[in-house]
Amino acid sequence: MMEITKVNSPLSAEVGVNKRAQQPVPTNEQPAKSNAGAAQSTSEDWQLLVEAKPQLAEIADVDSDKVAALRQALTDGSFRIDLDEIASAMLRQHG
């Protein structure tokens, strides 16, 4: 049976989204600076994203091993859906 795992990360990223489909939207507007604390926090958040970007680019969009295991389970008839397990995992992850 496949296991659902939660990724703990300070980044709010769309894990299952195709990275090539994500394109930044250009803008000519400059963000308003409200205070030094907010600017410092934004700067630290931005630095975290800049540092994480190369690592995230190395992660495959699709887990080929899991896809192969699912295909095999579907082919040989061993794929089973445990709705109680799915519900429990959703509650653990999303509260």
PDB file of N, CA and C in Angstrom:
ATOM      1  N   MET A   1       0.848  -1.176   0.000  1.00  0.00           N
ATOM      2  CA  MET A   1       0.000   0.000   0.000  1.00  0.00           C
ATOM      3  C   MET A   1       0.897   1.244   0.000  1.00  0.00           C
ATOM      4  N   MET A   2       0.534   2.234  -0.772  1.00  0.00           N
ATOM      5  CA  MET A   2       1.290   3.477  -0.821  1.00  0.00           C
ATOM      6  C   MET A   2       0.978   4.313   0.408  1.00  0.00           C
ATOM      7  N   GLU A   3       1.953   5.057   0.835  1.00  0.00           N
ATOM      8  CA  GLU A   3       1.796   5.867   2.027  1.00  0.00           C
ATOM      9  C   GLU A   3       1.706   7.338   1.646  1.00  0.00           C
ATOM     10  N   ILE A   4       0.793   8.049   2.290  1.00  0.00           N
ATOM     11  CA  ILE A   4       0.660   9.486   2.078  1.00  0.00           C
ATOM     12  C   ILE A   4       1.543  10.164   3.109  1.00  0.00           C
ATOM     13  N   THR A   5       2.458  11.002   2.646  1.00  0.00           N
ATOM     14  CA  THR A   5       3.356  11.686   3.566  1.00  0.00           C
ATOM     15  C   THR A   5       3.223  13.188   3.407  1.00  0.00           C
ATOM     16  N   LYS A   6       3.348  13.879   4.513  1.00  0.00           N
ATOM     17  CA  LYS A   6       3.267  15.335   4.513  1.00  0.00           C
ATOM     18  C   LYS A   6       4.675  15.894   4.448  1.00  0.00           C
ATOM     19  N   VAL A   7       4.887  16.876   3.605  1.00  0.00           N
ATOM     20  CA  VAL A   7       6.175  17.531   3.493  1.00  0.00           C
ATOM     21  C   VAL A   7       6.133  18.780   4.354  1.00  0.00           C
ATOM     22  N   ASN A   8       7.005  18.822   5.353  1.00  0.00           N
ATOM     23  CA  ASN A   8       7.085  20.007   6.206  1.00  0.00           C
ATOM     24  C   ASN A   8       8.066  20.978   5.583  1.00  0.00           C
ATOM     25  N   SER A   9       7.560  22.126   5.186  1.00  0.00           N
ATOM     26  CA  SER A   9       8.395  23.104   4.524  1.00  0.00           C
ATOM     27  C   SER A   9       7.881  24.507   4.827  1.00  0.00           C
ATOM     28  N   PRO A  10       8.803  25.457   5.017  1.00  0.00           N
ATOM     29  CA  PRO A  10       8.361  26.834   5.210  1.00  0.00           C
ATOM     30  C   PRO A  10       7.860  27.459   3.918  1.00  0.00           C
ATOM     31  N   LEU A  11       8.072  26.769   2.789  1.00  0.00           N
ATOM     32  CA  LEU A  11       7.641  27.295   1.506  1.00  0.00           C
ATOM     33  C   LEU A  11       6.218  26.861   1.223  1.00  0.00           C
ATOM     34  N   SER A  12       5.447  27.720   0.641  1.00  0.00           N
ATOM     35  CA  SER A  12       4.098  27.381   0.218  1.00  0.00           C
ATOM     36  C   SER A  12       4.157  27.103  -1.271  1.00  0.00           C
ATOM     37  N   ALA A  13       4.491  25.866  -1.625  1.00  0.00           N
ATOM     38  CA  ALA A  13       4.690  25.518  -3.032  1.00  0.00           C
ATOM     39  C   ALA A  13       3.629  24.534  -3.480  1.00  0.00           C
ATOM     40  N   GLU A  14       3.286  24.599  -4.751  1.00  0.00           N
ATOM     41  CA  GLU A  14       2.377  23.640  -5.364  1.00  0.00           C
ATOM     42  C   GLU A  14       3.228  22.453  -5.774  1.00  0.00           C
ATOM     43  N   VAL A  15       3.241  21.395  -4.975  1.00  0.00           N
ATOM     44  CA  VAL A  15       4.131  20.270  -5.199  1.00  0.00           C
ATOM     45  C   VAL A  15       3.794  19.529  -6.483  1.00  0.00           C
ATOM     46  N   GLY A  16       2.524  19.310  -6.764  1.00  0.00           N
ATOM     47  CA  GLY A  16       2.148  18.504  -7.905  1.00  0.00           C
ATOM     48  C   GLY A  16       2.017  19.272  -9.203  1.00  0.00           C
ATOM     49  N   VAL A  17       2.384  20.531  -9.208  1.00  0.00           N
ATOM     50  CA  VAL A  17       2.218  21.352 -10.399  1.00  0.00           C
ATOM     51  C   VAL A  17       3.456  21.251 -11.272  1.00  0.00           C
ATOM     52  N   ASN A  18       3.257  21.192 -12.545  1.00  0.00           N
ATOM     53  CA  ASN A  18       4.355  21.145 -13.500  1.00  0.00           C
ATOM     54  C   ASN A  18       5.158  22.434 -13.398  1.00  0.00           C
ATOM     55  N   LYS A  19       6.436  22.317 -13.080  1.00  0.00           N
ATOM     56  CA  LYS A  19       7.271  23.500 -12.882  1.00  0.00           C
ATOM     57  C   LYS A  19       7.393  24.345 -14.148  1.00  0.00           C
ATOM     58  N   ARG A  20       7.390  23.676 -15.289  1.00  0.00           N
ATOM     59  CA  ARG A  20       7.532  24.429 -16.533  1.00  0.00           C
ATOM     60  C   ARG A  20       6.306  25.296 -16.810  1.00  0.00           C
ATOM     61  N   ALA A  21       5.174  24.935 -16.211  1.00  0.00           N
ATOM     62  CA  ALA A  21       3.947  25.702 -16.427  1.00  0.00           C
ATOM     63  C   ALA A  21       3.897  26.941 -15.545  1.00  0.00           C
ATOM     64  N   GLN A  22       4.768  26.991 -14.528  1.00  0.00           N
ATOM     65  CA  GLN A  22       4.762  28.134 -13.625  1.00  0.00           C
ATOM     66  C   GLN A  22       5.668  29.223 -14.173  1.00  0.00           C
ATOM     67  N   GLN A  23       5.092  30.319 -14.572  1.00  0.00           N
ATOM     68  CA  GLN A  23       5.842  31.438 -15.103  1.00  0.00           C
ATOM     69  C   GLN A  23       5.515  32.678 -14.273  1.00  0.00           C
ATOM     70  N   PRO A  24       6.524  33.439 -13.868  1.00  0.00           N
ATOM     71  CA  PRO A  24       6.232  34.662 -13.123  1.00  0.00           C
ATOM     72  C   PRO A  24       5.515  35.677 -14.015  1.00  0.00           C
ATOM     73  N   VAL A  25       4.612  36.401 -13.413  1.00  0.00           N
ATOM     74  CA  VAL A  25       3.874  37.421 -14.143  1.00  0.00           C
ATOM     75  C   VAL A  25       4.636  38.738 -14.004  1.00  0.00           C
ATOM     76  N   PRO A  26       5.102  39.300 -15.112  1.00  0.00           N
ATOM     77  CA  PRO A  26       5.853  40.553 -15.011  1.00  0.00           C
ATOM     78  C   PRO A  26       4.942  41.704 -14.588  1.00  0.00           C
ATOM     79  N   THR A  27       5.526  42.597 -13.822  1.00  0.00           N
ATOM     80  CA  THR A  27       4.765  43.757 -13.372  1.00  0.00           C
ATOM     81  C   THR A  27       5.677  44.985 -13.355  1.00  0.00           C
ATOM     82  N   ASN A  28       5.101  46.117 -13.597  1.00  0.00           N
ATOM     83  CA  ASN A  28       5.860  47.364 -13.566  1.00  0.00           C
ATOM     84  C   ASN A  28       5.676  48.099 -12.252  1.00  0.00           C
ATOM     85  N   GLU A  29       4.782  47.587 -11.409  1.00  0.00           N
ATOM     86  CA  GLU A  29       4.499  48.266 -10.152  1.00  0.00           C
ATOM     87  C   GLU A  29       5.542  47.907  -9.106  1.00  0.00           C
ATOM     88  N   GLN A  30       5.936  48.879  -8.316  1.00  0.00           N
ATOM     89  CA  GLN A  30       6.844  48.663  -7.207  1.00  0.00           C
ATOM     90  C   GLN A  30       6.029  48.412  -5.949  1.00  0.00           C
ATOM     91  N   PRO A  31       6.363  47.383  -5.144  1.00  0.00           N
ATOM     92  CA  PRO A  31       5.616  47.136  -3.919  1.00  0.00           C
ATOM     93  C   PRO A  31       5.825  48.261  -2.920  1.00  0.00           C
ATOM     94  N   ALA A  32       4.755  48.596  -2.228  1.00  0.00           N
ATOM     95  CA  ALA A  32       4.828  49.653  -1.218  1.00  0.00           C
ATOM     96  C   ALA A  32       5.525  49.122   0.013  1.00  0.00           C
ATOM     97  N   LYS A  33       6.414  49.925   0.601  1.00  0.00           N
ATOM     98  CA  LYS A  33       7.118  49.541   1.821  1.00  0.00           C
ATOM     99  C   LYS A  33       6.401  50.191   2.992  1.00  0.00           C
ATOM    100  N   SER A  34       5.849  49.329   3.887  1.00  0.00           N
ATOM    101  CA  SER A  34       5.064  49.853   4.989  1.00  0.00           C
ATOM    102  C   SER A  34       5.926  50.170   6.199  1.00  0.00           C
ATOM    103  N   ASN A  35       6.852  49.250   6.558  1.00  0.00           N
ATOM    104  CA  ASN A  35       7.742  49.525   7.678  1.00  0.00           C
ATOM    105  C   ASN A  35       8.976  48.649   7.570  1.00  0.00           C
ATOM    106  N   ALA A  36       9.968  48.917   8.406  1.00  0.00           N
ATOM    107  CA  ALA A  36      11.238  48.203   8.327  1.00  0.00           C
ATOM    108  C   ALA A  36      11.075  46.733   8.674  1.00  0.00           C
ATOM    109  N   GLY A  37      10.211  46.394   9.630  1.00  0.00           N
ATOM    110  CA  GLY A  37      10.000  45.007  10.024  1.00  0.00           C
ATOM    111  C   GLY A  37       9.455  44.173   8.889  1.00  0.00           C
ATOM    112  N   ALA A  38       8.477  44.706   8.183  1.00  0.00           N
ATOM    113  CA  ALA A  38       7.884  43.990   7.056  1.00  0.00           C
ATOM    114  C   ALA A  38       8.909  43.850   5.933  1.00  0.00           C
ATOM    115  N   ALA A  39       9.683  44.876   5.688  1.00  0.00           N
ATOM    116  CA  ALA A  39      10.703  44.823   4.641  1.00  0.00           C
ATOM    117  C   ALA A  39      11.747  43.771   4.986  1.00  0.00           C
ATOM    118  N   GLN A  40      12.164  43.692   6.248  1.00  0.00           N
ATOM    119  CA  GLN A  40      13.141  42.693   6.674  1.00  0.00           C
ATOM    120  C   GLN A  40      12.581  41.290   6.507  1.00  0.00           C
ATOM    121  N   SER A  41      11.327  41.078   6.899  1.00  0.00           N
ATOM    122  CA  SER A  41      10.692  39.771   6.769  1.00  0.00           C
ATOM    123  C   SER A  41      10.579  39.372   5.300  1.00  0.00           C
ATOM    124  N   THR A  42      10.185  40.303   4.467  1.00  0.00           N
ATOM    125  CA  THR A  42      10.071  40.021   3.038  1.00  0.00           C
ATOM    126  C   THR A  42      11.431  39.674   2.471  1.00  0.00           C
ATOM    127  N   SER A  43      12.441  40.389   2.878  1.00  0.00           N
ATOM    128  CA  SER A  43      13.787  40.136   2.401  1.00  0.00           C
ATOM    129  C   SER A  43      14.251  38.739   2.799  1.00  0.00           C
ATOM    130  N   GLU A  44      13.982  38.313   4.039  1.00  0.00           N
ATOM    131  CA  GLU A  44      14.373  36.983   4.499  1.00  0.00           C
ATOM    132  C   GLU A  44      13.591  35.902   3.745  1.00  0.00           C
ATOM    133  N   ASP A  45      12.294  36.136   3.534  1.00  0.00           N
ATOM    134  CA  ASP A  45      11.484  35.183   2.783  1.00  0.00           C
ATOM    135  C   ASP A  45      12.002  35.055   1.355  1.00  0.00           C
ATOM    136  N   TRP A  46      12.326  36.174   0.760  1.00  0.00           N
ATOM    137  CA  TRP A  46      12.825  36.166  -0.611  1.00  0.00           C
ATOM    138  C   TRP A  46      14.151  35.416  -0.692  1.00  0.00           C
ATOM    139  N   GLN A  47      15.017  35.646   0.279  1.00  0.00           N
ATOM    140  CA  GLN A  47      16.310  34.965   0.307  1.00  0.00           C
ATOM    141  C   GLN A  47      16.112  33.452   0.432  1.00  0.00           C
ATOM    142  N   LEU A  48      15.156  33.020   1.242  1.00  0.00           N
ATOM    143  CA  LEU A  48      14.851  31.594   1.377  1.00  0.00           C
ATOM    144  C   LEU A  48      14.406  31.008   0.039  1.00  0.00           C
ATOM    145  N   LEU A  49      13.552  31.734  -0.675  1.00  0.00           N
ATOM    146  CA  LEU A  49      13.095  31.268  -1.992  1.00  0.00           C
ATOM    147  C   LEU A  49      14.242  31.199  -2.996  1.00  0.00           C
ATOM    148  N   VAL A  50      15.090  32.188  -2.974  1.00  0.00           N
ATOM    149  CA  VAL A  50      16.234  32.217  -3.894  1.00  0.00           C
ATOM    150  C   VAL A  50      17.151  31.025  -3.628  1.00  0.00           C
ATOM    151  N   GLU A  51      17.385  30.723  -2.344  1.00  0.00           N
ATOM    152  CA  GLU A  51      18.254  29.601  -1.986  1.00  0.00           C
ATOM    153  C   GLU A  51      17.599  28.261  -2.331  1.00  0.00           C
ATOM    154  N   ALA A  52      16.276  28.165  -2.207  1.00  0.00           N
ATOM    155  CA  ALA A  52      15.576  26.903  -2.429  1.00  0.00           C
ATOM    156  C   ALA A  52      15.338  26.609  -3.903  1.00  0.00           C
ATOM    157  N   LYS A  53      15.324  27.621  -4.748  1.00  0.00           N
ATOM    158  CA  LYS A  53      14.977  27.442  -6.158  1.00  0.00           C
ATOM    159  C   LYS A  53      15.844  26.398  -6.868  1.00  0.00           C
ATOM    160  N   PRO A  54      17.173  26.416  -6.753  1.00  0.00           N
ATOM    161  CA  PRO A  54      17.975  25.391  -7.440  1.00  0.00           C
ATOM    162  C   PRO A  54      17.676  23.977  -6.927  1.00  0.00           C
ATOM    163  N   GLN A  55      17.448  23.843  -5.627  1.00  0.00           N
ATOM    164  CA  GLN A  55      17.130  22.529  -5.061  1.00  0.00           C
ATOM    165  C   GLN A  55      15.779  22.041  -5.562  1.00  0.00           C
ATOM    166  N   LEU A  56      14.811  22.932  -5.629  1.00  0.00           N
ATOM    167  CA  LEU A  56      13.484  22.552  -6.108  1.00  0.00           C
ATOM    168  C   LEU A  56      13.518  22.172  -7.583  1.00  0.00           C
ATOM    169  N   ALA A  57      14.388  22.810  -8.346  1.00  0.00           N
ATOM    170  CA  ALA A  57      14.494  22.507  -9.775  1.00  0.00           C
ATOM    171  C   ALA A  57      15.021  21.092 -10.007  1.00  0.00           C
ATOM    172  N   GLU A  58      15.759  20.540  -9.030  1.00  0.00           N
ATOM    173  CA  GLU A  58      16.308  19.195  -9.166  1.00  0.00           C
ATOM    174  C   GLU A  58      15.288  18.110  -8.843  1.00  0.00           C
ATOM    175  N   ILE A  59      14.191  18.456  -8.183  1.00  0.00           N
ATOM    176  CA  ILE A  59      13.182  17.479  -7.804  1.00  0.00           C
ATOM    177  C   ILE A  59      12.333  17.147  -9.030  1.00  0.00           C
ATOM    178  N   ALA A  60      12.155  15.871  -9.255  1.00  0.00           N
ATOM    179  CA  ALA A  60      11.356  15.433 -10.403  1.00  0.00           C
ATOM    180  C   ALA A  60       9.900  15.849 -10.224  1.00  0.00           C
ATOM    181  N   ASP A  61       9.259  16.195 -11.334  1.00  0.00           N
ATOM    182  CA  ASP A  61       7.849  16.565 -11.298  1.00  0.00           C
ATOM    183  C   ASP A  61       6.976  15.362 -10.951  1.00  0.00           C
ATOM    184  N   VAL A  62       7.444  14.173 -11.307  1.00  0.00           N
ATOM    185  CA  VAL A  62       6.680  12.945 -11.106  1.00  0.00           C
ATOM    186  C   VAL A  62       7.584  11.913 -10.449  1.00  0.00           C
ATOM    187  N   ASP A  63       7.056  11.197  -9.453  1.00  0.00           N
ATOM    188  CA  ASP A  63       7.788  10.114  -8.813  1.00  0.00           C
ATOM    189  C   ASP A  63       7.579   8.855  -9.654  1.00  0.00           C
ATOM    190  N   SER A  64       8.524   8.574 -10.529  1.00  0.00           N
ATOM    191  CA  SER A  64       8.401   7.476 -11.488  1.00  0.00           C
ATOM    192  C   SER A  64       8.245   6.123 -10.805  1.00  0.00           C
ATOM    193  N   ASP A  65       8.898   5.928  -9.660  1.00  0.00           N
ATOM    194  CA  ASP A  65       8.776   4.656  -8.941  1.00  0.00           C
ATOM    195  C   ASP A  65       7.353   4.440  -8.439  1.00  0.00           C
ATOM    196  N   LYS A  66       6.729   5.494  -7.920  1.00  0.00           N
ATOM    197  CA  LYS A  66       5.349   5.366  -7.441  1.00  0.00           C
ATOM    198  C   LYS A  66       4.383   5.127  -8.598  1.00  0.00           C
ATOM    199  N   VAL A  67       4.629   5.788  -9.730  1.00  0.00           N
ATOM    200  CA  VAL A  67       3.775   5.584 -10.904  1.00  0.00           C
ATOM    201  C   VAL A  67       3.889   4.143 -11.374  1.00  0.00           C
ATOM    202  N   ALA A  68       5.104   3.612 -11.417  1.00  0.00           N
ATOM    203  CA  ALA A  68       5.314   2.226 -11.854  1.00  0.00           C
ATOM    204  C   ALA A  68       4.638   1.246 -10.896  1.00  0.00           C
ATOM    205  N   ALA A  69       4.745   1.510  -9.583  1.00  0.00           N
ATOM    206  CA  ALA A  69       4.115   0.633  -8.594  1.00  0.00           C
ATOM    207  C   ALA A  69       2.596   0.673  -8.731  1.00  0.00           C
ATOM    208  N   LEU A  70       2.039   1.847  -8.967  1.00  0.00           N
ATOM    209  CA  LEU A  70       0.593   1.972  -9.141  1.00  0.00           C
ATOM    210  C   LEU A  70       0.139   1.254 -10.416  1.00  0.00           C
ATOM    211  N   ARG A  71       0.864   1.417 -11.490  1.00  0.00           N
ATOM    212  CA  ARG A  71       0.519   0.727 -12.742  1.00  0.00           C
ATOM    213  C   ARG A  71       0.535  -0.793 -12.548  1.00  0.00           C
ATOM    214  N   GLN A  72       1.568  -1.269 -11.850  1.00  0.00           N
ATOM    215  CA  GLN A  72       1.680  -2.701 -11.615  1.00  0.00           C
ATOM    216  C   GLN A  72       0.517  -3.203 -10.756  1.00  0.00           C
ATOM    217  N   ALA A  73       0.162  -2.455  -9.707  1.00  0.00           N
ATOM    218  CA  ALA A  73      -0.952  -2.840  -8.834  1.00  0.00           C
ATOM    219  C   ALA A  73      -2.268  -2.852  -9.604  1.00  0.00           C
ATOM    220  N   LEU A  74      -2.459  -1.896 -10.499  1.00  0.00           N
ATOM    221  CA  LEU A  74      -3.672  -1.873 -11.315  1.00  0.00           C
ATOM    222  C   LEU A  74      -3.694  -3.051 -12.292  1.00  0.00           C
ATOM    223  N   THR A  75      -2.542  -3.362 -12.846  1.00  0.00           N
ATOM    224  CA  THR A  75      -2.445  -4.449 -13.811  1.00  0.00           C
ATOM    225  C   THR A  75      -2.714  -5.809 -13.171  1.00  0.00           C
ATOM    226  N   ASP A  76      -2.108  -6.045 -12.002  1.00  0.00           N
ATOM    227  CA  ASP A  76      -2.250  -7.368 -11.383  1.00  0.00           C
ATOM    228  C   ASP A  76      -3.450  -7.479 -10.443  1.00  0.00           C
ATOM    229  N   GLY A  77      -4.230  -6.392 -10.322  1.00  0.00           N
ATOM    230  CA  GLY A  77      -5.449  -6.447  -9.527  1.00  0.00           C
ATOM    231  C   GLY A  77      -5.255  -6.308  -8.035  1.00  0.00           C
ATOM    232  N   SER A  78      -4.057  -5.929  -7.598  1.00  0.00           N
ATOM    233  CA  SER A  78      -3.802  -5.819  -6.156  1.00  0.00           C
ATOM    234  C   SER A  78      -4.063  -4.425  -5.602  1.00  0.00           C
ATOM    235  N   PHE A  79      -4.451  -3.486  -6.452  1.00  0.00           N
ATOM    236  CA  PHE A  79      -4.733  -2.117  -5.993  1.00  0.00           C
ATOM    237  C   PHE A  79      -6.022  -2.100  -5.182  1.00  0.00           C
ATOM    238  N   ARG A  80      -5.943  -1.621  -3.967  1.00  0.00           N
ATOM    239  CA  ARG A  80      -7.104  -1.531  -3.090  1.00  0.00           C
ATOM    240  C   ARG A  80      -7.197  -0.116  -2.531  1.00  0.00           C
ATOM    241  N   ILE A  81      -8.401   0.372  -2.394  1.00  0.00           N
ATOM    242  CA  ILE A  81      -8.636   1.697  -1.819  1.00  0.00           C
ATOM    243  C   ILE A  81      -9.201   1.501  -0.428  1.00  0.00           C
ATOM    244  N   ASP A  82      -8.509   2.016   0.575  1.00  0.00           N
ATOM    245  CA  ASP A  82      -8.967   1.959   1.961  1.00  0.00           C
ATOM    246  C   ASP A  82      -9.450   3.360   2.328  1.00  0.00           C
ATOM    247  N   LEU A  83     -10.757   3.577   2.252  1.00  0.00           N
ATOM    248  CA  LEU A  83     -11.324   4.907   2.490  1.00  0.00           C
ATOM    249  C   LEU A  83     -11.076   5.393   3.908  1.00  0.00           C
ATOM    250  N   ASP A  84     -11.070   4.473   4.889  1.00  0.00           N
ATOM    251  CA  ASP A  84     -10.780   4.875   6.274  1.00  0.00           C
ATOM    252  C   ASP A  84      -9.351   5.399   6.392  1.00  0.00           C
ATOM    253  N   GLU A  85      -8.424   4.724   5.729  1.00  0.00           N
ATOM    254  CA  GLU A  85      -7.029   5.168   5.757  1.00  0.00           C
ATOM    255  C   GLU A  85      -6.876   6.532   5.075  1.00  0.00           C
ATOM    256  N   ILE A  86      -7.557   6.728   3.958  1.00  0.00           N
ATOM    257  CA  ILE A  86      -7.506   8.020   3.256  1.00  0.00           C
ATOM    258  C   ILE A  86      -8.061   9.129   4.137  1.00  0.00           C
ATOM    259  N   ALA A  87      -9.209   8.877   4.769  1.00  0.00           N
ATOM    260  CA  ALA A  87      -9.810   9.876   5.653  1.00  0.00           C
ATOM    261  C   ALA A  87      -8.902  10.199   6.828  1.00  0.00           C
ATOM    262  N   SER A  88      -8.282   9.182   7.409  1.00  0.00           N
ATOM    263  CA  SER A  88      -7.371   9.401   8.536  1.00  0.00           C
ATOM    264  C   SER A  88      -6.156  10.234   8.122  1.00  0.00           C
ATOM    265  N   ALA A  89      -5.612   9.922   6.949  1.00  0.00           N
ATOM    266  CA  ALA A  89      -4.460  10.686   6.446  1.00  0.00           C
ATOM    267  C   ALA A  89      -4.849  12.136   6.184  1.00  0.00           C
ATOM    268  N   MET A  90      -6.039  12.359   5.648  1.00  0.00           N
ATOM    269  CA  MET A  90      -6.492  13.738   5.400  1.00  0.00           C
ATOM    270  C   MET A  90      -6.644  14.491   6.715  1.00  0.00           C
ATOM    271  N   LEU A  91      -7.187  13.840   7.725  1.00  0.00           N
ATOM    272  CA  LEU A  91      -7.349  14.490   9.029  1.00  0.00           C
ATOM    273  C   LEU A  91      -5.995  14.778   9.663  1.00  0.00           C
ATOM    274  N   ARG A  92      -5.045  13.848   9.544  1.00  0.00           N
ATOM    275  CA  ARG A  92      -3.710  14.072  10.107  1.00  0.00           C
ATOM    276  C   ARG A  92      -3.038  15.264   9.410  1.00  0.00           C
ATOM    277  N   GLN A  93      -3.168  15.338   8.104  1.00  0.00           N
ATOM    278  CA  GLN A  93      -2.479  16.376   7.359  1.00  0.00           C
ATOM    279  C   GLN A  93      -3.164  17.729   7.469  1.00  0.00           C
ATOM    280  N   HIS A  94      -4.475  17.750   7.436  1.00  0.00           N
ATOM    281  CA  HIS A  94      -5.205  19.019   7.366  1.00  0.00           C
ATOM    282  C   HIS A  94      -5.965  19.363   8.640  1.00  0.00           C
ATOM    283  N   GLY A  95      -5.959  18.476   9.601  1.00  0.00           N
ATOM    284  CA  GLY A  95      -6.613  18.735  10.890  1.00  0.00           C
ATOM    285  C   GLY A  95      -8.025  18.736  10.881  1.00  0.00           C
TER     286      GLY A  95
END
